Amino acid sequence: MRRGPFRPGDRVQLTDPKGRLHTITLEPGKTFHTHRGHVRHDDLIGAPDGTVVEHTAGTDYLALRPLLSDFVLSMPRGAQVVYPKDAGQIVTYADIFPGATVVEAGVGSGALSLSLLRAVGDTGRLLSFERREDFAEIARANARTFFGREHPAWSVTVGDLVEALPRAVGPGTVDRVVLDMLAPWDCLDVVGEALVPGGVLICYVATTTQLSRVAETARRAGGWTEPVAWESLVRGWHLEGLAVRPEHRMHGHTGFLLTLRRLAPGVEEHRRTKRPAPGAYGEDYTPVVEEEWSAEDLGERTRTEKRLRRTVRDARAAAEARDAIPENDPRREGVSGA
């Protein structure tokens, strides 16, 4: 699926001379149209990856198979995706390894799930939990489109993590947990029960309020190492002769990452020798209070039901197009090479 000449059913990314990207799925007899002309799919089928095809108007298009990062940014989405810069750090700093048992909540559009599935491989397990059925359907369809079939390591459960996780796994059987949700602090008890001693919990949150609340809740609960938190900013560079400078636009704040490790049973805390900063818990400090959070509270843009239904249809159509590849096609042999 990732090597050899282009074949029907392959996704191909076309780049024009101005750097604009267009992703198409190859079908015999079809054409890709722009306002100036078209490119015939038949001119790409059988051509090698990294070829250049000429538009009927004379414009050259570079044709490449999309990388995972390209697919994530162009796939149908019902919820905000975890961007590649954060997904890469989650896989690395949570130490997601082949054969691991990983729990993920929530799934959203499945962007992070794709990176986690690649990391655990066919022999691992990724148990994903999502509260919304429409988001879960979009995520399943996106994964089928990318891998070309159902990934054998993946299961998606629609429901609340706190209620569903104890029914899905036994105590101390999960290696890693990834939480991308509004209130991860509500899940610390059930996650702590499921993790093996030394297991890693990594949380992806959008605001400093969430970041602080996760850290303080874990400290009060005990049984966790000291939380470690950070964010990453990615700035591209313009490279042209002697004109080497930072790009005017950059990928700024997307979210914070926080990691904890589970202590052995009976170990409540590892005492800190470093004192808190002066005033950290002074008169202005407000202890955690119980309250309901919503996506709107964090400034997240919500999508209308009509738009979500259209996204579900688009994701399902892309997956069905990939499903239409004949059963004896060599691209259906395994998913680890995707």
C-alpha atoms as a PDB file:
ATOM      1  CA  MET A   1       0.000   0.000   0.000  1.00  0.00           C
ATOM      2  CA  ARG A   2       2.927   2.345   0.577  1.00  0.00           C
ATOM      3  CA  ARG A   3       5.247   1.186  -2.222  1.00  0.00           C
ATOM      4  CA  GLY A   4       5.295   0.575  -5.949  1.00  0.00           C
ATOM      5  CA  PRO A   5       3.477   2.312  -8.804  1.00  0.00           C
ATOM      6  CA  PHE A   6       0.139   4.037  -8.305  1.00  0.00           C
ATOM      7  CA  ARG A   7      -2.870   1.715  -8.504  1.00  0.00           C
ATOM      8  CA  PRO A   8      -6.645   2.183  -8.573  1.00  0.00           C
ATOM      9  CA  GLY A   9      -7.871   3.021  -5.086  1.00  0.00           C
ATOM     10  CA  ASP A  10      -4.620   4.732  -4.046  1.00  0.00           C
ATOM     11  CA  ARG A  11      -4.796   8.180  -2.493  1.00  0.00           C
ATOM     12  CA  VAL A  12      -2.483  10.589  -4.320  1.00  0.00           C
ATOM     13  CA  GLN A  13      -1.467  14.089  -3.282  1.00  0.00           C
ATOM     14  CA  LEU A  14      -1.037  16.537  -6.179  1.00  0.00           C
ATOM     15  CA  THR A  15       1.063  19.660  -5.612  1.00  0.00           C
ATOM     16  CA  ASP A  16       0.946  22.551  -8.073  1.00  0.00           C
ATOM     17  CA  PRO A  17       3.856  24.976  -8.707  1.00  0.00           C
ATOM     18  CA  LYS A  18       2.489  27.360  -6.036  1.00  0.00           C
ATOM     19  CA  GLY A  19       2.537  24.628  -3.394  1.00  0.00           C
ATOM     20  CA  ARG A  20      -1.228  24.120  -3.255  1.00  0.00           C
ATOM     21  CA  LEU A  21      -2.222  20.567  -2.355  1.00  0.00           C
ATOM     22  CA  HIS A  22      -5.033  18.416  -3.746  1.00  0.00           C
ATOM     23  CA  THR A  23      -5.710  14.846  -2.586  1.00  0.00           C
ATOM     24  CA  ILE A  24      -7.522  12.454  -4.921  1.00  0.00           C
ATOM     25  CA  THR A  25      -8.397   8.745  -4.951  1.00  0.00           C
ATOM     26  CA  LEU A  26      -7.433   7.115  -8.246  1.00  0.00           C
ATOM     27  CA  GLU A  27     -10.197   5.557 -10.329  1.00  0.00           C
ATOM     28  CA  PRO A  28      -9.824   4.389 -13.958  1.00  0.00           C
ATOM     29  CA  GLY A  29     -11.488   6.774 -16.405  1.00  0.00           C
ATOM     30  CA  LYS A  30     -11.899   9.599 -13.890  1.00  0.00           C
ATOM     31  CA  THR A  31     -10.389  13.092 -14.087  1.00  0.00           C
ATOM     32  CA  PHE A  32      -9.286  15.684 -11.535  1.00  0.00           C
ATOM     33  CA  HIS A  33     -10.662  19.085 -12.533  1.00  0.00           C
ATOM     34  CA  THR A  34      -9.527  22.611 -11.714  1.00  0.00           C
ATOM     35  CA  HIS A  35     -10.823  25.900 -13.066  1.00  0.00           C
ATOM     36  CA  ARG A  36      -8.131  25.751 -15.782  1.00  0.00           C
ATOM     37  CA  GLY A  37      -8.413  22.158 -16.976  1.00  0.00           C
ATOM     38  CA  HIS A  38      -7.979  18.597 -15.748  1.00  0.00           C
ATOM     39  CA  VAL A  39      -5.590  15.727 -14.981  1.00  0.00           C
ATOM     40  CA  ARG A  40      -6.541  12.212 -16.092  1.00  0.00           C
ATOM     41  CA  HIS A  41      -6.356   9.537 -13.401  1.00  0.00           C
ATOM     42  CA  ASP A  42      -5.222   7.085 -16.089  1.00  0.00           C
ATOM     43  CA  ASP A  43      -2.071   9.173 -16.564  1.00  0.00           C
ATOM     44  CA  LEU A  44      -1.168   8.442 -12.921  1.00  0.00           C
ATOM     45  CA  ILE A  45      -2.210   4.792 -12.659  1.00  0.00           C
ATOM     46  CA  GLY A  46       0.921   2.718 -13.224  1.00  0.00           C
ATOM     47  CA  ALA A  47       3.249   5.713 -12.789  1.00  0.00           C
ATOM     48  CA  PRO A  48       5.891   5.641 -10.025  1.00  0.00           C
ATOM     49  CA  ASP A  49       5.504   7.499  -6.760  1.00  0.00           C
ATOM     50  CA  GLY A  50       7.107  10.939  -7.029  1.00  0.00           C
ATOM     51  CA  THR A  51       6.213  11.445 -10.680  1.00  0.00           C
ATOM     52  CA  VAL A  52       5.190  14.686 -12.405  1.00  0.00           C
ATOM     53  CA  VAL A  53       2.016  14.788 -14.508  1.00  0.00           C
ATOM     54  CA  GLU A  54       1.004  17.585 -16.863  1.00  0.00           C
ATOM     55  CA  HIS A  55      -2.326  19.362 -16.574  1.00  0.00           C
ATOM     56  CA  THR A  56      -4.268  19.944 -19.827  1.00  0.00           C
ATOM     57  CA  ALA A  57      -3.448  23.644 -19.440  1.00  0.00           C
ATOM     58  CA  GLY A  58       0.268  22.848 -19.298  1.00  0.00           C
ATOM     59  CA  THR A  59       0.760  23.077 -15.517  1.00  0.00           C
ATOM     60  CA  ASP A  60       2.946  20.415 -13.919  1.00  0.00           C
ATOM     61  CA  TYR A  61       1.667  18.614 -10.814  1.00  0.00           C
ATOM     62  CA  LEU A  62       3.927  16.606  -8.509  1.00  0.00           C
ATOM     63  CA  ALA A  63       2.208  13.335  -7.500  1.00  0.00           C
ATOM     64  CA  LEU A  64       3.114  11.638  -4.208  1.00  0.00           C
ATOM     65  CA  ARG A  65       1.425   9.259  -1.804  1.00  0.00           C
ATOM     66  CA  PRO A  66       0.301  11.279   1.234  1.00  0.00           C
ATOM     67  CA  LEU A  67       2.248  10.810   4.449  1.00  0.00           C
ATOM     68  CA  LEU A  68       0.337  10.095   7.653  1.00  0.00           C
ATOM     69  CA  SER A  69       0.684  13.771   8.590  1.00  0.00           C
ATOM     70  CA  ASP A  70      -0.786  14.777   5.215  1.00  0.00           C
ATOM     71  CA  PHE A  71      -3.702  12.365   5.614  1.00  0.00           C
ATOM     72  CA  VAL A  72      -4.524  13.622   9.112  1.00  0.00           C
ATOM     73  CA  LEU A  73      -4.754  17.224   7.952  1.00  0.00           C
ATOM     74  CA  SER A  74      -6.962  16.418   4.956  1.00  0.00           C
ATOM     75  CA  MET A  75      -9.249  13.628   6.224  1.00  0.00           C
ATOM     76  CA  PRO A  76     -12.926  14.199   7.123  1.00  0.00           C
ATOM     77  CA  ARG A  77     -13.192  15.412  10.688  1.00  0.00           C
ATOM     78  CA  GLY A  78     -16.022  15.806  13.165  1.00  0.00           C
ATOM     79  CA  ALA A  79     -13.848  17.007  16.050  1.00  0.00           C
ATOM     80  CA  GLN A  80     -10.616  18.972  16.277  1.00  0.00           C
ATOM     81  CA  VAL A  81      -7.683  16.670  15.513  1.00  0.00           C
ATOM     82  CA  VAL A  82      -4.467  16.168  17.466  1.00  0.00           C
ATOM     83  CA  TYR A  83      -1.881  17.714  15.165  1.00  0.00           C
ATOM     84  CA  PRO A  84       1.156  15.703  14.011  1.00  0.00           C
ATOM     85  CA  LYS A  85       3.569  17.732  16.146  1.00  0.00           C
ATOM     86  CA  ASP A  86       1.695  16.641  19.282  1.00  0.00           C
ATOM     87  CA  ALA A  87       0.918  13.089  18.111  1.00  0.00           C
ATOM     88  CA  GLY A  88       4.625  12.460  17.543  1.00  0.00           C
ATOM     89  CA  GLN A  89       5.470  13.603  21.060  1.00  0.00           C
ATOM     90  CA  ILE A  90       2.660  11.528  22.565  1.00  0.00           C
ATOM     91  CA  VAL A  91       3.996   8.378  20.885  1.00  0.00           C
ATOM     92  CA  THR A  92       7.550   9.178  22.025  1.00  0.00           C
ATOM     93  CA  TYR A  93       7.072  10.502  25.559  1.00  0.00           C
ATOM     94  CA  ALA A  94       4.363   7.983  26.447  1.00  0.00           C
ATOM     95  CA  ASP A  95       6.762   5.327  25.118  1.00  0.00           C
ATOM     96  CA  ILE A  96       4.159   3.569  22.965  1.00  0.00           C
ATOM     97  CA  PHE A  97       5.863   0.334  21.887  1.00  0.00           C
ATOM     98  CA  PRO A  98       4.997  -2.613  19.593  1.00  0.00           C
ATOM     99  CA  GLY A  99       2.770  -5.098  21.411  1.00  0.00           C
ATOM    100  CA  ALA A 100       1.665  -2.618  24.079  1.00  0.00           C
ATOM    101  CA  THR A 101      -1.869  -2.461  25.469  1.00  0.00           C
ATOM    102  CA  VAL A 102      -2.943   1.181  25.156  1.00  0.00           C
ATOM    103  CA  VAL A 103      -6.160   2.906  26.225  1.00  0.00           C
ATOM    104  CA  GLU A 104      -7.257   6.096  24.453  1.00  0.00           C
ATOM    105  CA  ALA A 105     -10.104   8.498  25.270  1.00  0.00           C
ATOM    106  CA  GLY A 106     -11.625  10.300  23.385  1.00  0.00           C
ATOM    107  CA  VAL A 107     -11.206   9.348  19.793  1.00  0.00           C
ATOM    108  CA  GLY A 108     -12.478  12.460  18.010  1.00  0.00           C
ATOM    109  CA  SER A 109     -11.826  12.003  14.281  1.00  0.00           C
ATOM    110  CA  GLY A 110      -9.192   9.304  14.797  1.00  0.00           C
ATOM    111  CA  ALA A 111      -6.060  11.342  14.026  1.00  0.00           C
ATOM    112  CA  LEU A 112      -4.151  10.263  17.132  1.00  0.00           C
ATOM    113  CA  SER A 113      -5.527   6.723  16.848  1.00  0.00           C
ATOM    114  CA  LEU A 114      -3.692   6.264  13.538  1.00  0.00           C
ATOM    115  CA  SER A 115      -0.335   7.113  15.129  1.00  0.00           C
ATOM    116  CA  LEU A 116      -1.037   4.881  18.134  1.00  0.00           C
ATOM    117  CA  LEU A 117      -2.029   1.950  15.893  1.00  0.00           C
ATOM    118  CA  ARG A 118       1.165   2.279  13.903  1.00  0.00           C
ATOM    119  CA  ALA A 119       3.164   2.253  17.139  1.00  0.00           C
ATOM    120  CA  VAL A 120       1.501  -0.786  18.787  1.00  0.00           C
ATOM    121  CA  GLY A 121       1.474  -2.783  15.530  1.00  0.00           C
ATOM    122  CA  ASP A 122      -0.603  -5.860  14.775  1.00  0.00           C
ATOM    123  CA  THR A 123       0.434  -7.594  18.011  1.00  0.00           C
ATOM    124  CA  GLY A 124      -0.616  -4.785  20.350  1.00  0.00           C
ATOM    125  CA  ARG A 125      -4.004  -3.537  21.501  1.00  0.00           C
ATOM    126  CA  LEU A 126      -5.539  -0.085  21.255  1.00  0.00           C
ATOM    127  CA  LEU A 127      -8.778   0.266  23.191  1.00  0.00           C
ATOM    128  CA  SER A 128     -10.395   3.578  22.266  1.00  0.00           C
ATOM    129  CA  PHE A 129     -13.356   5.116  24.071  1.00  0.00           C
ATOM    130  CA  GLU A 130     -15.557   7.847  22.612  1.00  0.00           C
ATOM    131  CA  ARG A 131     -18.789   9.291  24.004  1.00  0.00           C
ATOM    132  CA  ARG A 132     -20.278  10.250  20.635  1.00  0.00           C
ATOM    133  CA  GLU A 133     -21.356   7.643  18.103  1.00  0.00           C
ATOM    134  CA  ASP A 134     -20.964  10.021  15.124  1.00  0.00           C
ATOM    135  CA  PHE A 135     -17.359  10.831  16.063  1.00  0.00           C
ATOM    136  CA  ALA A 136     -16.619   7.116  16.518  1.00  0.00           C
ATOM    137  CA  GLU A 137     -18.040   6.347  13.060  1.00  0.00           C
ATOM    138  CA  ILE A 138     -15.913   9.054  11.445  1.00  0.00           C
ATOM    139  CA  ALA A 139     -12.805   7.731  13.212  1.00  0.00           C
ATOM    140  CA  ARG A 140     -13.481   4.123  12.133  1.00  0.00           C
ATOM    141  CA  ALA A 141     -14.016   5.198   8.526  1.00  0.00           C
ATOM    142  CA  ASN A 142     -10.838   7.304   8.486  1.00  0.00           C
ATOM    143  CA  ALA A 143      -8.804   4.388   9.837  1.00  0.00           C
ATOM    144  CA  ARG A 144     -10.275   2.025   7.231  1.00  0.00           C
ATOM    145  CA  THR A 145      -9.415   4.506   4.505  1.00  0.00           C
ATOM    146  CA  PHE A 146      -5.829   4.894   5.691  1.00  0.00           C
ATOM    147  CA  PHE A 147      -5.000   1.261   6.498  1.00  0.00           C
ATOM    148  CA  GLY A 148      -7.129  -0.272   3.764  1.00  0.00           C
ATOM    149  CA  ARG A 149      -9.025  -2.569   6.154  1.00  0.00           C
ATOM    150  CA  GLU A 150     -10.036  -2.929   9.794  1.00  0.00           C
ATOM    151  CA  HIS A 151      -6.915  -2.770  11.949  1.00  0.00           C
ATOM    152  CA  PRO A 152      -6.682  -6.008  13.985  1.00  0.00           C
ATOM    153  CA  ALA A 153      -5.348  -4.245  17.093  1.00  0.00           C
ATOM    154  CA  TRP A 154      -8.139  -1.668  17.376  1.00  0.00           C
ATOM    155  CA  SER A 155     -11.461  -1.671  19.187  1.00  0.00           C
ATOM    156  CA  VAL A 156     -13.696   1.396  19.606  1.00  0.00           C
ATOM    157  CA  THR A 157     -16.236   1.548  22.440  1.00  0.00           C
ATOM    158  CA  VAL A 158     -18.945   4.200  22.506  1.00  0.00           C
ATOM    159  CA  GLY A 159     -19.457   5.224  26.104  1.00  0.00           C
ATOM    160  CA  ASP A 160     -17.963   6.904  29.147  1.00  0.00           C
ATOM    161  CA  LEU A 161     -14.428   5.802  30.039  1.00  0.00           C
ATOM    162  CA  VAL A 162     -15.105   5.699  33.783  1.00  0.00           C
ATOM    163  CA  GLU A 163     -17.975   3.255  33.304  1.00  0.00           C
ATOM    164  CA  ALA A 164     -16.660   1.229  30.373  1.00  0.00           C
ATOM    165  CA  LEU A 165     -12.951   0.745  31.173  1.00  0.00           C
ATOM    166  CA  PRO A 166     -13.372  -1.606  34.200  1.00  0.00           C
ATOM    167  CA  ARG A 167     -15.549  -3.862  32.039  1.00  0.00           C
ATOM    168  CA  ALA A 168     -12.991  -3.898  29.213  1.00  0.00           C
ATOM    169  CA  VAL A 169      -9.710  -4.573  31.058  1.00  0.00           C
ATOM    170  CA  GLY A 170      -8.557  -6.135  34.291  1.00  0.00           C
ATOM    171  CA  PRO A 171      -6.645  -4.305  37.040  1.00  0.00           C
ATOM    172  CA  GLY A 172      -2.987  -3.719  36.229  1.00  0.00           C
ATOM    173  CA  THR A 173      -3.189  -4.884  32.596  1.00  0.00           C
ATOM    174  CA  VAL A 174      -2.793  -1.620  30.640  1.00  0.00           C
ATOM    175  CA  ASP A 175       0.655  -0.337  29.677  1.00  0.00           C
ATOM    176  CA  ARG A 176      -0.217   3.199  28.551  1.00  0.00           C
ATOM    177  CA  VAL A 177      -3.202   5.551  28.732  1.00  0.00           C
ATOM    178  CA  VAL A 178      -3.740   8.616  26.516  1.00  0.00           C
ATOM    179  CA  LEU A 179      -6.480  11.057  27.527  1.00  0.00           C
ATOM    180  CA  ASP A 180      -7.654  13.753  25.108  1.00  0.00           C
ATOM    181  CA  MET A 181     -10.784  14.995  26.839  1.00  0.00           C
ATOM    182  CA  LEU A 182     -12.317  17.936  28.705  1.00  0.00           C
ATOM    183  CA  ALA A 183     -11.940  16.607  32.253  1.00  0.00           C
ATOM    184  CA  PRO A 184      -9.176  13.967  32.476  1.00  0.00           C
ATOM    185  CA  TRP A 185      -8.991  14.411  36.265  1.00  0.00           C
ATOM    186  CA  ASP A 186     -12.350  12.625  36.554  1.00  0.00           C
ATOM    187  CA  CYS A 187     -10.700   9.455  35.187  1.00  0.00           C
ATOM    188  CA  LEU A 188      -7.592   9.258  37.395  1.00  0.00           C
ATOM    189  CA  ASP A 189      -8.976   6.618  39.768  1.00  0.00           C
ATOM    190  CA  VAL A 190     -10.166   4.188  37.082  1.00  0.00           C
ATOM    191  CA  VAL A 191      -7.044   4.763  34.979  1.00  0.00           C
ATOM    192  CA  GLY A 192      -4.787   4.207  37.967  1.00  0.00           C
ATOM    193  CA  GLU A 193      -6.539   0.899  38.673  1.00  0.00           C
ATOM    194  CA  ALA A 194      -6.038  -0.285  35.074  1.00  0.00           C
ATOM    195  CA  LEU A 195      -2.371   0.721  34.654  1.00  0.00           C
ATOM    196  CA  VAL A 196       0.540  -1.589  35.398  1.00  0.00           C
ATOM    197  CA  PRO A 197       3.066  -0.302  37.968  1.00  0.00           C
ATOM    198  CA  GLY A 198       5.319   2.067  36.084  1.00  0.00           C
ATOM    199  CA  GLY A 199       2.708   2.559  33.367  1.00  0.00           C
ATOM    200  CA  VAL A 200       2.435   5.953  31.712  1.00  0.00           C
ATOM    201  CA  LEU A 201      -0.535   8.301  31.631  1.00  0.00           C
ATOM    202  CA  ILE A 202      -0.313  11.208  29.176  1.00  0.00           C
ATOM    203  CA  CYS A 203      -2.982  13.919  28.999  1.00  0.00           C
ATOM    204  CA  TYR A 204      -3.568  16.354  26.154  1.00  0.00           C
ATOM    205  CA  VAL A 205      -5.376  19.500  27.339  1.00  0.00           C
ATOM    206  CA  ALA A 206      -6.033  22.896  25.813  1.00  0.00           C
ATOM    207  CA  THR A 207      -5.872  25.378  28.709  1.00  0.00           C
ATOM    208  CA  THR A 208      -3.733  26.175  31.743  1.00  0.00           C
ATOM    209  CA  THR A 209      -6.786  25.695  33.970  1.00  0.00           C
ATOM    210  CA  GLN A 210      -7.131  22.088  32.832  1.00  0.00           C
ATOM    211  CA  LEU A 211      -3.379  21.565  33.135  1.00  0.00           C
ATOM    212  CA  SER A 212      -3.298  22.767  36.743  1.00  0.00           C
ATOM    213  CA  ARG A 213      -6.364  20.776  37.730  1.00  0.00           C
ATOM    214  CA  VAL A 214      -4.978  17.488  36.415  1.00  0.00           C
ATOM    215  CA  ALA A 215      -1.679  18.024  38.232  1.00  0.00           C
ATOM    216  CA  GLU A 216      -3.225  19.011  41.561  1.00  0.00           C
ATOM    217  CA  THR A 217      -5.801  16.209  41.483  1.00  0.00           C
ATOM    218  CA  ALA A 218      -3.050  13.641  40.861  1.00  0.00           C
ATOM    219  CA  ARG A 219      -0.955  15.034  43.729  1.00  0.00           C
ATOM    220  CA  ARG A 220      -3.857  14.833  46.181  1.00  0.00           C
ATOM    221  CA  ALA A 221      -4.879  11.353  45.040  1.00  0.00           C
ATOM    222  CA  GLY A 222      -1.419   9.853  45.505  1.00  0.00           C
ATOM    223  CA  GLY A 223      -0.040   6.850  43.688  1.00  0.00           C
ATOM    224  CA  TRP A 224       1.498   8.925  40.886  1.00  0.00           C
ATOM    225  CA  THR A 225       4.909  10.397  40.151  1.00  0.00           C
ATOM    226  CA  GLU A 226       5.307  14.146  39.963  1.00  0.00           C
ATOM    227  CA  PRO A 227       3.551  15.514  36.858  1.00  0.00           C
ATOM    228  CA  VAL A 228       5.675  16.801  33.992  1.00  0.00           C
ATOM    229  CA  ALA A 229       4.097  19.270  31.544  1.00  0.00           C
ATOM    230  CA  TRP A 230       5.143  21.097  28.395  1.00  0.00           C
ATOM    231  CA  GLU A 231       3.980  22.508  25.078  1.00  0.00           C
ATOM    232  CA  SER A 232       5.692  22.605  21.689  1.00  0.00           C
ATOM    233  CA  LEU A 233       5.779  25.354  19.092  1.00  0.00           C
ATOM    234  CA  VAL A 234       6.870  24.577  15.531  1.00  0.00           C
ATOM    235  CA  ARG A 235       8.260  27.298  13.277  1.00  0.00           C
ATOM    236  CA  GLY A 236       9.135  26.578   9.667  1.00  0.00           C
ATOM    237  CA  TRP A 237      11.975  28.238   7.779  1.00  0.00           C
ATOM    238  CA  HIS A 238      12.049  29.817   4.330  1.00  0.00           C
ATOM    239  CA  LEU A 239      15.006  28.464   2.301  1.00  0.00           C
ATOM    240  CA  GLU A 240      15.913  30.206  -0.961  1.00  0.00           C
ATOM    241  CA  GLY A 241      19.532  31.025  -1.746  1.00  0.00           C
ATOM    242  CA  LEU A 242      20.725  33.534   0.829  1.00  0.00           C
ATOM    243  CA  ALA A 243      17.149  34.332   1.865  1.00  0.00           C
ATOM    244  CA  VAL A 244      17.123  31.984   4.862  1.00  0.00           C
ATOM    245  CA  ARG A 245      14.712  33.224   7.509  1.00  0.00           C
ATOM    246  CA  PRO A 246      11.852  32.057   9.721  1.00  0.00           C
ATOM    247  CA  GLU A 247       8.464  31.699   8.043  1.00  0.00           C
ATOM    248  CA  HIS A 248       6.022  34.496   8.749  1.00  0.00           C
ATOM    249  CA  ARG A 249       3.429  31.959   9.919  1.00  0.00           C
ATOM    250  CA  MET A 250       4.002  29.189  12.444  1.00  0.00           C
ATOM    251  CA  HIS A 251       2.222  26.405  14.300  1.00  0.00           C
ATOM    252  CA  GLY A 252       1.819  27.984  17.713  1.00  0.00           C
ATOM    253  CA  HIS A 253      -0.069  26.712  20.733  1.00  0.00           C
ATOM    254  CA  THR A 254      -2.295  23.716  20.098  1.00  0.00           C
ATOM    255  CA  GLY A 255      -2.336  22.099  23.520  1.00  0.00           C
ATOM    256  CA  PHE A 256      -0.392  21.080  26.616  1.00  0.00           C
ATOM    257  CA  LEU A 257       0.952  17.613  27.319  1.00  0.00           C
ATOM    258  CA  LEU A 258       1.247  16.239  30.846  1.00  0.00           C
ATOM    259  CA  THR A 259       2.741  12.880  31.844  1.00  0.00           C
ATOM    260  CA  LEU A 260       2.452  10.816  35.022  1.00  0.00           C
ATOM    261  CA  ARG A 261       3.677   7.336  35.903  1.00  0.00           C
ATOM    262  CA  ARG A 262       1.838   4.877  38.114  1.00  0.00           C
ATOM    263  CA  LEU A 263       3.534   3.945  41.376  1.00  0.00           C
ATOM    264  CA  ALA A 264       3.587   0.412  42.775  1.00  0.00           C
ATOM    265  CA  PRO A 265       0.670  -0.717  44.978  1.00  0.00           C
ATOM    266  CA  GLY A 266       0.933   0.696  48.492  1.00  0.00           C
ATOM    267  CA  VAL A 267       3.256   3.532  47.463  1.00  0.00           C
ATOM    268  CA  GLU A 268       1.314   6.741  47.924  1.00  0.00           C
ATOM    269  CA  GLU A 269       3.903   9.309  46.881  1.00  0.00           C
ATOM    270  CA  HIS A 270       7.524   9.971  46.108  1.00  0.00           C
ATOM    271  CA  ARG A 271       8.412  12.848  48.391  1.00  0.00           C
ATOM    272  CA  ARG A 272       9.593  15.999  46.652  1.00  0.00           C
ATOM    273  CA  THR A 273      12.707  17.751  47.902  1.00  0.00           C
ATOM    274  CA  LYS A 274      12.018  20.807  45.781  1.00  0.00           C
ATOM    275  CA  ARG A 275       9.841  23.366  47.535  1.00  0.00           C
ATOM    276  CA  PRO A 276       6.850  24.927  45.733  1.00  0.00           C
ATOM    277  CA  ALA A 277       7.389  28.430  44.388  1.00  0.00           C
ATOM    278  CA  PRO A 278       6.522  31.220  46.861  1.00  0.00           C
ATOM    279  CA  GLY A 279       2.840  32.046  46.596  1.00  0.00           C
ATOM    280  CA  ALA A 280       1.966  28.908  44.611  1.00  0.00           C
ATOM    281  CA  TYR A 281      -0.549  27.929  47.285  1.00  0.00           C
ATOM    282  CA  GLY A 282      -1.089  31.360  48.788  1.00  0.00           C
ATOM    283  CA  GLU A 283      -4.260  33.327  49.369  1.00  0.00           C
ATOM    284  CA  ASP A 284      -4.988  33.610  45.651  1.00  0.00           C
ATOM    285  CA  TYR A 285      -4.901  29.851  45.102  1.00  0.00           C
ATOM    286  CA  THR A 286      -8.350  28.370  44.564  1.00  0.00           C
ATOM    287  CA  PRO A 287      -8.697  24.639  45.281  1.00  0.00           C
ATOM    288  CA  VAL A 288     -10.325  22.430  42.685  1.00  0.00           C
ATOM    289  CA  VAL A 289     -14.116  22.567  42.720  1.00  0.00           C
ATOM    290  CA  GLU A 290     -16.555  20.188  41.070  1.00  0.00           C
ATOM    291  CA  GLU A 291     -18.108  21.682  37.957  1.00  0.00           C
ATOM    292  CA  GLU A 292     -19.300  20.704  34.512  1.00  0.00           C
ATOM    293  CA  TRP A 293     -17.174  21.691  31.523  1.00  0.00           C
ATOM    294  CA  SER A 294     -18.143  21.964  27.895  1.00  0.00           C
ATOM    295  CA  ALA A 295     -16.223  22.385  24.646  1.00  0.00           C
ATOM    296  CA  GLU A 296     -17.605  25.900  24.328  1.00  0.00           C
ATOM    297  CA  ASP A 297     -16.076  26.805  27.713  1.00  0.00           C
ATOM    298  CA  LEU A 298     -12.639  26.171  26.230  1.00  0.00           C
ATOM    299  CA  GLY A 299     -13.284  28.157  23.067  1.00  0.00           C
ATOM    300  CA  GLU A 300     -13.615  25.073  20.869  1.00  0.00           C
ATOM    301  CA  ARG A 301     -15.645  25.627  17.728  1.00  0.00           C
ATOM    302  CA  THR A 302     -18.661  23.376  17.551  1.00  0.00           C
ATOM    303  CA  ARG A 303     -19.953  21.874  14.315  1.00  0.00           C
ATOM    304  CA  THR A 304     -23.597  21.849  13.381  1.00  0.00           C
ATOM    305  CA  GLU A 305     -25.469  18.556  13.210  1.00  0.00           C
ATOM    306  CA  LYS A 306     -25.912  19.066   9.460  1.00  0.00           C
ATOM    307  CA  ARG A 307     -22.184  19.466   8.940  1.00  0.00           C
ATOM    308  CA  LEU A 308     -21.444  16.438  11.122  1.00  0.00           C
ATOM    309  CA  ARG A 309     -23.826  14.299   9.074  1.00  0.00           C
ATOM    310  CA  ARG A 310     -22.025  15.407   5.912  1.00  0.00           C
ATOM    311  CA  THR A 311     -18.647  14.581   7.477  1.00  0.00           C
ATOM    312  CA  VAL A 312     -19.899  11.105   8.398  1.00  0.00           C
ATOM    313  CA  ARG A 313     -21.030  10.574   4.793  1.00  0.00           C
ATOM    314  CA  ASP A 314     -17.682  11.776   3.399  1.00  0.00           C
ATOM    315  CA  ALA A 315     -15.681   9.536   5.739  1.00  0.00           C
ATOM    316  CA  ARG A 316     -17.903   6.541   4.995  1.00  0.00           C
ATOM    317  CA  ALA A 317     -17.612   7.116   1.217  1.00  0.00           C
ATOM    318  CA  ALA A 318     -13.801   7.276   1.385  1.00  0.00           C
ATOM    319  CA  ALA A 319     -13.699   4.049   3.403  1.00  0.00           C
ATOM    320  CA  GLU A 320     -16.091   2.289   1.013  1.00  0.00           C
ATOM    321  CA  ALA A 321     -13.934   3.307  -1.950  1.00  0.00           C
ATOM    322  CA  ARG A 322     -10.943   1.651  -0.287  1.00  0.00           C
ATOM    323  CA  ASP A 323     -13.086  -1.377   0.635  1.00  0.00           C
ATOM    324  CA  ALA A 324     -13.893  -1.795  -3.069  1.00  0.00           C
ATOM    325  CA  ILE A 325     -10.336  -2.978  -3.771  1.00  0.00           C
ATOM    326  CA  PRO A 326     -10.547  -6.685  -4.791  1.00  0.00           C
ATOM    327  CA  GLU A 327      -9.919  -9.231  -2.040  1.00  0.00           C
ATOM    328  CA  ASN A 328      -7.006 -10.808  -3.949  1.00  0.00           C
ATOM    329  CA  ASP A 329      -5.239  -7.475  -4.392  1.00  0.00           C
ATOM    330  CA  PRO A 330      -1.789  -7.564  -2.658  1.00  0.00           C
ATOM    331  CA  ARG A 331      -2.597  -4.293  -0.913  1.00  0.00           C
ATOM    332  CA  ARG A 332      -5.029  -6.167   1.358  1.00  0.00           C
ATOM    333  CA  GLU A 333      -2.274  -8.326   2.830  1.00  0.00           C
ATOM    334  CA  GLY A 334      -1.730  -6.931   6.329  1.00  0.00           C
ATOM    335  CA  VAL A 335      -1.860  -3.425   7.656  1.00  0.00           C
ATOM    336  CA  SER A 336       1.527  -2.956   9.300  1.00  0.00           C
ATOM    337  CA  GLY A 337       3.006  -1.490   6.117  1.00  0.00           C
ATOM    338  CA  ALA A 338       0.379   1.232   5.954  1.00  0.00           C
END
